[in-house]
Amino acid sequence: MAVKVLVVDDSGFFRRRVSEILSADPNIQVVGTATNGREAIDQALALKPDVITMDYEMPMMDGITAVRNIMQRCPTPVLMFSSLTHEGARVTLDALDAGAVDFLPKNFEDISRNPEKVKALLCEKVHSIARSNRRYSGYSPTPSPAAAPSSAPVARSSAPAVAPRSPSAAPAPAAPAAGNSPAPKRKAYKLVAIGTSTGGPVALQRVLTQLPASFATPIVLIQHMPAAFTKAFAERLDKLCRISVKEAEDGDVLRPGLALLAPGGKQMMIDPRGAVRILPGDERLNYKPCVDITFGSAAKSFNDKVLAVVLTGMGADGREGARLLKQGGSQVWAQDEASCVIYGMPMAIVKANLADAVYGLDDIGRHLAEACV
């Protein structure tokens, strides 16, 4: 059955181009278009699409307000289009908080110059989020930053630097089911490494805001995200969390109370002295940053002293890095299927029998605080 899509944009050119690209896929049907947020809500209620593509800057009602209303009245996976600017990143992150599943850069030049590449990427995104867990009764998006309890100044750590459920098709032995996974074992880890993709911005926010300012273990974050977005995302997390968060720079040193976010378009590695190395993105790699790259370097540097967590996301990035971590004796956790937006990366960990524990998203932060001493 074809995926039904509603296209929302105030630009007639963009509506037509997106509709043409999607309609060229025999497994996608554009069932309607809308020119502003109010029309989008009406059309979503009337047409019940499987996926909505949404611009954020529109007359009458903006895309973020429309997403919030749609999630309250008829939860539907939304793919946002955004500009590759700092402000575009900020607005896109607000849209993800409101309930959007994923985003794509809105670049008219790319549509003109690289139609086949754009078509493949857009159709892949639509198919993947059509299978996401965003259409269900009672969906509750992450509270906006203004409503977050940590909007007041938070204490920062000044410590010194320091060098799901298994699907039925998964092979036995299965990983522990969410809710049945054992309580985490306390250990003096040298690093917590968290990798994620689609759904990751909201997932990371929920995990990291649960950590106390006194969290004792350095953290690195690998989120599939464009270069223009990671600085804005790090700044956002830093305002919301009790720990500090910053976009990683070459030569940064791991320390307690600090989470370093891999910069978009580049690769992040960890050396045995606890320093971060930022390398140019390799065009041969699909992901920049790549979870496997960072996990692999952590395995080489810290052996059994790493706690790795794989959160929601498409594909299998992180699986091979997790395999190296497990070979060195480190621990690997996976997010459970029920709380994932896209159960791809965690599923790859579970199917490969690499998960020591499977936890729901809202339990991961608490278990991290319990596990790290």
Protein backbone atom coordinates (compact mmCIF):
# COMPACT_ATOMS: atom_id res chain seq x y z
CA MET A 1 0.00 0.00 0.00
CA ALA A 2 1.35 3.43 -0.98
CA VAL A 3 2.45 5.89 1.71
CA LYS A 4 0.00 8.82 1.73
CA VAL A 5 1.73 12.21 2.01
CA LEU A 6 0.46 15.73 2.69
CA VAL A 7 2.82 18.46 1.41
CA VAL A 8 2.74 21.77 3.33
CA ASP A 9 4.60 24.87 2.11
CA ASP A 10 3.68 28.45 1.27
CA SER A 11 5.92 28.37 -1.81
CA GLY A 12 4.03 27.13 -4.87
CA PHE A 13 7.31 26.15 -6.53
CA PHE A 14 8.43 24.07 -3.58
CA ARG A 15 5.04 22.38 -3.20
CA ARG A 16 5.11 21.39 -6.85
CA ARG A 17 8.69 20.13 -6.80
CA VAL A 18 8.22 18.09 -3.62
CA SER A 19 4.95 16.67 -4.95
CA GLU A 20 6.58 15.76 -8.28
CA ILE A 21 9.53 14.06 -6.59
CA LEU A 22 7.31 12.05 -4.25
CA SER A 23 4.75 11.14 -6.90
CA ALA A 24 7.50 9.65 -9.07
CA ASP A 25 7.85 6.91 -6.44
CA PRO A 26 5.18 4.26 -7.15
CA ASN A 27 4.94 3.53 -3.42
CA ILE A 28 4.15 7.13 -2.44
CA GLN A 29 0.89 8.99 -3.07
CA VAL A 30 0.58 12.76 -2.54
CA VAL A 31 -2.98 13.04 -1.23
CA GLY A 32 -3.05 16.80 -0.74
CA THR A 33 -1.20 20.08 -0.29
CA ALA A 34 -1.54 23.04 2.07
CA THR A 35 -0.16 26.59 2.01
CA ASN A 36 -0.08 27.35 5.75
CA GLY A 37 -0.33 25.75 9.16
CA ARG A 38 -4.08 26.15 9.53
CA GLU A 39 -4.72 24.42 6.21
CA ALA A 40 -2.25 21.71 7.26
CA ILE A 41 -4.27 20.92 10.39
CA ASP A 42 -7.55 20.79 8.44
CA GLN A 43 -6.04 18.61 5.72
CA ALA A 44 -4.39 16.28 8.23
CA LEU A 45 -7.74 15.73 9.95
CA ALA A 46 -9.61 15.24 6.67
CA LEU A 47 -7.08 13.19 4.67
CA LYS A 48 -5.38 11.23 7.46
CA PRO A 49 -1.99 11.06 5.68
CA ASP A 50 0.75 8.67 6.73
CA VAL A 51 3.41 11.43 6.55
CA ILE A 52 3.36 15.23 6.40
CA THR A 53 6.19 17.33 4.93
CA MET A 54 6.21 20.74 6.59
CA ASP A 55 7.85 24.12 6.06
CA TYR A 56 8.37 26.12 9.25
CA GLU A 57 7.97 29.73 8.02
CA MET A 58 4.46 30.26 6.66
CA PRO A 59 1.67 32.89 6.89
CA MET A 60 -1.45 32.42 9.03
CA MET A 61 0.21 29.77 11.21
CA ASP A 62 3.85 28.68 11.32
CA GLY A 63 4.99 25.08 10.98
CA ILE A 64 5.93 24.57 14.63
CA THR A 65 2.49 25.62 15.87
CA ALA A 66 0.92 23.40 13.22
CA VAL A 67 3.03 20.41 14.32
CA ARG A 68 1.97 20.93 17.94
CA ASN A 69 -1.70 21.02 16.98
CA ILE A 70 -1.43 17.99 14.71
CA MET A 71 0.28 15.97 17.44
CA GLN A 72 -2.51 16.82 19.85
CA ARG A 73 -5.39 16.15 17.45
CA CYS A 74 -4.19 13.47 15.01
CA PRO A 75 -0.59 12.35 15.72
CA THR A 76 1.15 11.95 12.35
CA PRO A 77 4.86 11.65 11.45
CA VAL A 78 6.12 15.04 10.24
CA LEU A 79 9.22 15.70 8.14
CA MET A 80 10.37 19.32 8.48
CA PHE A 81 12.22 21.32 5.83
CA SER A 82 14.76 23.74 7.28
CA SER A 83 17.41 26.22 6.20
CA LEU A 84 21.08 25.46 6.85
CA THR A 85 21.61 28.41 9.16
CA HIS A 86 22.03 28.78 12.92
CA GLU A 87 18.50 30.21 13.14
CA GLY A 88 17.21 27.43 10.89
CA ALA A 89 18.80 24.89 13.22
CA ARG A 90 17.20 26.49 16.28
CA VAL A 91 13.75 26.48 14.69
CA THR A 92 14.17 22.90 13.49
CA LEU A 93 15.07 21.76 16.99
CA ASP A 94 11.93 23.50 18.27
CA ALA A 95 9.93 21.59 15.66
CA LEU A 96 11.44 18.29 16.79
CA ASP A 97 10.50 19.15 20.37
CA ALA A 98 6.96 19.85 19.16
CA GLY A 99 6.75 16.33 17.73
CA ALA A 100 8.30 16.33 14.23
CA VAL A 101 10.18 13.11 13.47
CA ASP A 102 13.00 14.27 11.22
CA PHE A 103 14.17 17.10 8.98
CA LEU A 104 15.81 17.82 5.64
CA PRO A 105 17.68 20.95 4.54
CA LYS A 106 15.55 23.15 2.30
CA ASN A 107 17.93 23.97 -0.52
CA PHE A 108 16.41 25.04 -3.84
CA GLU A 109 19.78 24.85 -5.60
CA ASP A 110 20.22 21.17 -4.70
CA ILE A 111 16.75 20.39 -6.04
CA SER A 112 17.74 21.98 -9.36
CA ARG A 113 21.27 20.58 -9.60
CA ASN A 114 20.94 17.13 -8.02
CA PRO A 115 17.37 15.98 -8.67
CA GLU A 116 18.13 12.25 -8.49
CA LYS A 117 20.05 12.54 -5.22
CA VAL A 118 17.34 14.74 -3.69
CA LYS A 119 14.61 12.39 -4.89
CA ALA A 120 16.31 9.34 -3.38
CA LEU A 121 16.93 11.06 -0.04
CA LEU A 122 13.45 12.54 0.26
CA CYS A 123 11.68 9.30 -0.66
CA GLU A 124 13.90 7.30 1.72
CA LYS A 125 13.06 9.68 4.57
CA VAL A 126 9.33 9.50 3.83
CA HIS A 127 9.32 5.69 3.75
CA SER A 128 11.34 5.43 6.96
CA ILE A 129 9.28 7.86 9.03
CA ALA A 130 6.06 6.32 7.73
CA ARG A 131 7.15 3.27 9.73
CA SER A 132 8.07 5.32 12.79
CA ASN A 133 6.45 5.21 16.22
CA ARG A 134 5.05 8.73 15.99
CA ARG A 135 1.44 7.83 15.16
CA TYR A 136 -0.17 6.66 18.35
CA SER A 137 -2.71 7.85 20.85
CA GLY A 138 -1.39 9.94 23.69
CA TYR A 139 1.88 11.02 22.06
CA SER A 140 3.52 13.61 24.27
CA PRO A 141 6.34 15.68 22.79
CA THR A 142 9.25 16.93 24.84
CA PRO A 143 8.45 20.13 26.78
CA SER A 144 9.75 23.27 25.14
CA PRO A 145 12.89 24.85 26.60
CA ALA A 146 10.86 27.65 28.14
CA ALA A 147 8.94 25.11 30.18
CA ALA A 148 11.93 23.04 31.19
CA PRO A 149 12.60 22.92 34.93
CA SER A 150 16.25 23.73 34.37
CA SER A 151 15.58 27.15 32.79
CA ALA A 152 17.09 28.74 35.88
CA PRO A 153 20.90 28.75 36.17
CA VAL A 154 22.19 25.29 37.04
CA ALA A 155 25.25 24.25 38.96
CA ARG A 156 28.19 23.10 36.85
CA SER A 157 30.72 20.50 37.85
CA SER A 158 34.18 21.92 38.45
CA ALA A 159 35.91 18.55 38.85
CA PRO A 160 39.41 18.26 37.34
CA ALA A 161 39.99 16.73 33.92
CA VAL A 162 40.14 12.95 33.63
CA ALA A 163 42.54 11.42 31.28
CA PRO A 164 14.22 -3.47 24.02
CA ARG A 165 12.59 -5.86 23.45
CA SER A 166 14.10 -8.25 20.88
CA PRO A 167 12.02 -8.69 17.72
CA SER A 168 10.73 -12.20 17.10
CA ALA A 169 13.05 -12.61 14.13
CA ALA A 170 16.16 -11.89 16.19
CA PRO A 171 18.52 -14.82 16.70
CA ALA A 172 18.81 -16.46 20.11
CA PRO A 173 19.97 -15.76 22.70
CA ALA A 174 17.85 -12.63 22.79
CA ALA A 175 18.84 -9.47 24.58
CA PRO A 176 16.98 -8.74 27.81
CA ALA A 177 13.54 -7.28 27.21
CA ALA A 178 12.93 -3.73 28.36
CA GLY A 179 11.68 -3.84 31.92
CA ASN A 180 13.44 -7.19 32.48
CA SER A 181 16.99 -5.93 31.99
CA PRO A 182 19.05 -6.13 35.16
CA ALA A 183 19.82 -3.03 37.20
CA PRO A 184 23.10 -1.54 35.95
CA LYS A 185 26.32 -2.51 37.69
CA ARG A 186 28.22 0.37 39.25
CA LYS A 187 31.66 0.88 37.79
CA ALA A 188 34.35 3.54 37.39
CA TYR A 189 33.90 4.07 33.67
CA LYS A 190 36.27 6.40 31.87
CA LEU A 191 33.72 7.31 29.22
CA VAL A 192 30.02 7.23 28.38
CA ALA A 193 29.51 7.25 24.59
CA ILE A 194 26.03 7.79 23.16
CA GLY A 195 25.19 7.34 19.47
CA THR A 196 21.92 8.19 17.73
CA SER A 197 20.27 9.41 14.53
CA THR A 198 16.57 9.99 13.66
CA GLY A 199 14.73 10.99 16.83
CA GLY A 200 18.05 11.59 18.55
CA PRO A 201 17.79 15.31 19.40
CA VAL A 202 14.72 14.74 21.57
CA ALA A 203 16.07 11.44 22.93
CA LEU A 204 19.39 12.99 23.96
CA GLN A 205 17.56 15.86 25.63
CA ARG A 206 15.47 13.45 27.69
CA VAL A 207 18.49 11.40 28.73
CA LEU A 208 20.92 14.21 29.53
CA THR A 209 18.46 16.36 31.48
CA GLN A 210 18.18 13.50 34.00
CA LEU A 211 21.88 13.61 34.86
CA PRO A 212 23.04 15.51 37.96
CA ALA A 213 25.68 18.27 37.81
CA SER A 214 27.93 15.93 39.80
CA PHE A 215 27.83 13.20 37.11
CA ALA A 216 31.27 11.66 37.41
CA THR A 217 31.95 10.28 33.93
CA PRO A 218 32.92 12.21 30.78
CA ILE A 219 30.43 11.88 27.91
CA VAL A 220 30.71 12.00 24.13
CA LEU A 221 27.66 12.33 21.89
CA ILE A 222 27.43 11.27 18.25
CA GLN A 223 24.28 12.54 16.53
CA HIS A 224 23.80 12.33 12.76
CA MET A 225 23.30 16.01 11.96
CA PRO A 226 24.46 18.62 9.41
CA ALA A 227 27.47 20.80 10.23
CA ALA A 228 25.32 23.92 10.61
CA PHE A 229 23.16 22.28 13.29
CA THR A 230 25.48 20.77 15.90
CA LYS A 231 26.63 24.05 17.48
CA ALA A 232 23.03 25.21 17.97
CA PHE A 233 22.08 21.78 19.32
CA ALA A 234 24.97 21.78 21.81
CA GLU A 235 24.01 25.27 22.99
CA ARG A 236 20.42 24.14 23.46
CA LEU A 237 21.41 21.11 25.52
CA ASP A 238 23.81 23.20 27.60
CA LYS A 239 20.95 25.52 28.61
CA LEU A 240 18.63 22.64 29.53
CA CYS A 241 21.03 20.29 31.33
CA ARG A 242 22.73 20.39 34.72
CA ILE A 243 25.90 19.06 33.12
CA SER A 244 27.75 21.19 30.55
CA VAL A 245 27.41 20.44 26.84
CA LYS A 246 29.51 21.85 24.01
CA GLU A 247 30.31 21.11 20.38
CA ALA A 248 33.61 19.24 20.44
CA GLU A 249 36.77 20.90 19.17
CA ASP A 250 40.08 19.28 18.33
CA GLY A 251 42.15 18.96 21.51
CA ASP A 252 39.23 19.13 23.97
CA VAL A 253 39.88 17.02 27.06
CA LEU A 254 37.31 14.65 28.56
CA ARG A 255 36.21 15.64 32.05
CA PRO A 256 33.39 14.89 34.49
CA GLY A 257 30.26 16.95 34.07
CA LEU A 258 30.95 17.68 30.40
CA ALA A 259 29.34 16.17 27.29
CA LEU A 260 31.12 16.77 23.96
CA LEU A 261 28.94 16.66 20.84
CA ALA A 262 30.63 15.51 17.62
CA PRO A 263 30.56 18.33 15.06
CA GLY A 264 28.47 17.72 11.94
CA GLY A 265 30.38 16.92 8.77
CA LYS A 266 33.42 15.64 10.67
CA GLN A 267 34.61 12.59 12.62
CA MET A 268 35.37 12.46 16.34
CA MET A 269 37.93 10.11 17.87
CA ILE A 270 39.19 9.66 21.43
CA ASP A 271 42.87 9.08 22.22
CA PRO A 272 44.18 7.13 25.25
CA ARG A 273 45.08 10.36 27.10
CA GLY A 274 41.42 11.41 27.07
CA ALA A 275 41.79 14.05 24.36
CA VAL A 276 39.34 14.47 21.50
CA ARG A 277 40.51 14.46 17.90
CA ILE A 278 38.29 16.05 15.26
CA LEU A 279 39.08 14.85 11.74
CA PRO A 280 37.70 15.86 8.33
CA GLY A 281 34.68 13.89 7.19
CA ASP A 282 35.61 11.03 4.86
CA GLU A 283 33.46 11.10 1.72
CA ARG A 284 33.56 7.30 1.62
CA LEU A 285 31.55 7.16 4.84
CA ASN A 286 27.78 7.59 4.83
CA TYR A 287 27.72 9.28 8.22
CA LYS A 288 29.62 12.38 9.29
CA PRO A 289 29.87 12.05 12.26
CA CYS A 290 29.88 8.25 12.41
CA VAL A 291 29.07 6.36 15.62
CA ASP A 292 31.25 3.41 14.59
CA ILE A 293 34.31 5.66 14.27
CA THR A 294 33.95 7.15 17.76
CA PHE A 295 32.98 3.86 19.41
CA GLY A 296 35.93 2.12 17.75
CA SER A 297 38.43 4.70 18.96
CA ALA A 298 36.96 4.52 22.49
CA ALA A 299 37.36 0.73 22.46
CA LYS A 300 41.00 1.06 21.46
CA SER A 301 41.73 3.75 24.06
CA PHE A 302 39.80 2.55 27.11
CA ASN A 303 39.27 -1.22 26.71
CA ASP A 304 36.63 -2.28 29.26
CA LYS A 305 36.07 1.18 30.78
CA VAL A 306 33.41 2.42 28.32
CA LEU A 307 29.64 2.42 28.71
CA ALA A 308 28.08 2.84 25.25
CA VAL A 309 24.42 3.63 24.60
CA VAL A 310 22.71 3.32 21.20
CA LEU A 311 19.51 5.32 20.84
CA THR A 312 16.84 5.70 18.15
CA GLY A 313 17.91 5.99 14.53
CA MET A 314 17.82 4.56 11.01
CA GLY A 315 20.36 2.04 9.79
CA ALA A 316 23.01 0.16 11.74
CA ASP A 317 25.67 2.77 12.54
CA GLY A 318 27.21 1.87 15.91
CA ARG A 319 26.93 -1.90 15.55
CA GLU A 320 30.53 -2.55 14.50
CA GLY A 321 31.88 -0.05 16.99
CA ALA A 322 29.81 -1.73 19.69
CA ARG A 323 31.26 -5.08 18.64
CA LEU A 324 34.78 -3.72 19.24
CA LEU A 325 33.70 -2.35 22.62
CA LYS A 326 32.26 -5.70 23.65
CA GLN A 327 35.43 -7.49 22.59
CA GLY A 328 37.34 -5.23 24.97
CA GLY A 329 34.94 -5.93 27.84
CA SER A 330 32.92 -2.71 27.78
CA GLN A 331 29.15 -2.44 28.31
CA VAL A 332 26.59 -1.65 25.60
CA TRP A 333 23.00 -0.57 26.18
CA ALA A 334 20.23 -0.23 23.58
CA GLN A 335 17.02 1.78 23.64
CA ASP A 336 13.90 -0.37 23.54
CA GLU A 337 11.68 -0.59 20.48
CA ALA A 338 8.59 0.93 22.08
CA SER A 339 10.29 4.25 22.91
CA CYS A 340 12.26 4.61 19.65
CA VAL A 341 11.15 6.91 16.86
CA ILE A 342 12.98 4.62 14.41
CA TYR A 343 13.98 1.19 15.72
CA GLY A 344 16.98 0.72 13.43
CA MET A 345 20.29 1.36 15.20
CA PRO A 346 19.20 -0.19 18.52
CA MET A 347 17.69 -3.17 16.67
CA ALA A 348 21.04 -3.74 14.94
CA ILE A 349 22.69 -3.93 18.37
CA VAL A 350 20.05 -6.32 19.72
CA LYS A 351 20.06 -8.60 16.66
CA ALA A 352 23.86 -8.88 16.85
CA ASN A 353 23.53 -9.94 20.52
CA LEU A 354 25.65 -6.98 21.64
CA ALA A 355 23.20 -5.44 24.13
CA ASP A 356 23.97 -5.97 27.81
CA ALA A 357 20.72 -4.21 28.66
CA VAL A 358 17.67 -2.78 26.88
CA TYR A 359 15.99 0.19 28.52
CA GLY A 360 13.11 2.54 27.74
CA LEU A 361 14.16 6.07 26.89
CA ASP A 362 12.94 7.62 30.13
CA ASP A 363 14.93 5.08 32.19
CA ILE A 364 18.30 5.51 30.49
CA GLY A 365 19.36 8.75 32.19
CA ARG A 366 18.47 7.41 35.62
CA HIS A 367 20.37 4.17 34.99
CA LEU A 368 23.41 6.11 33.76
CA ALA A 369 23.45 8.08 37.01
CA GLU A 370 23.24 4.80 38.93
CA ALA A 371 25.91 2.99 36.91
CA CYS A 372 28.70 5.57 36.83
CA VAL A 373 30.77 6.08 39.98
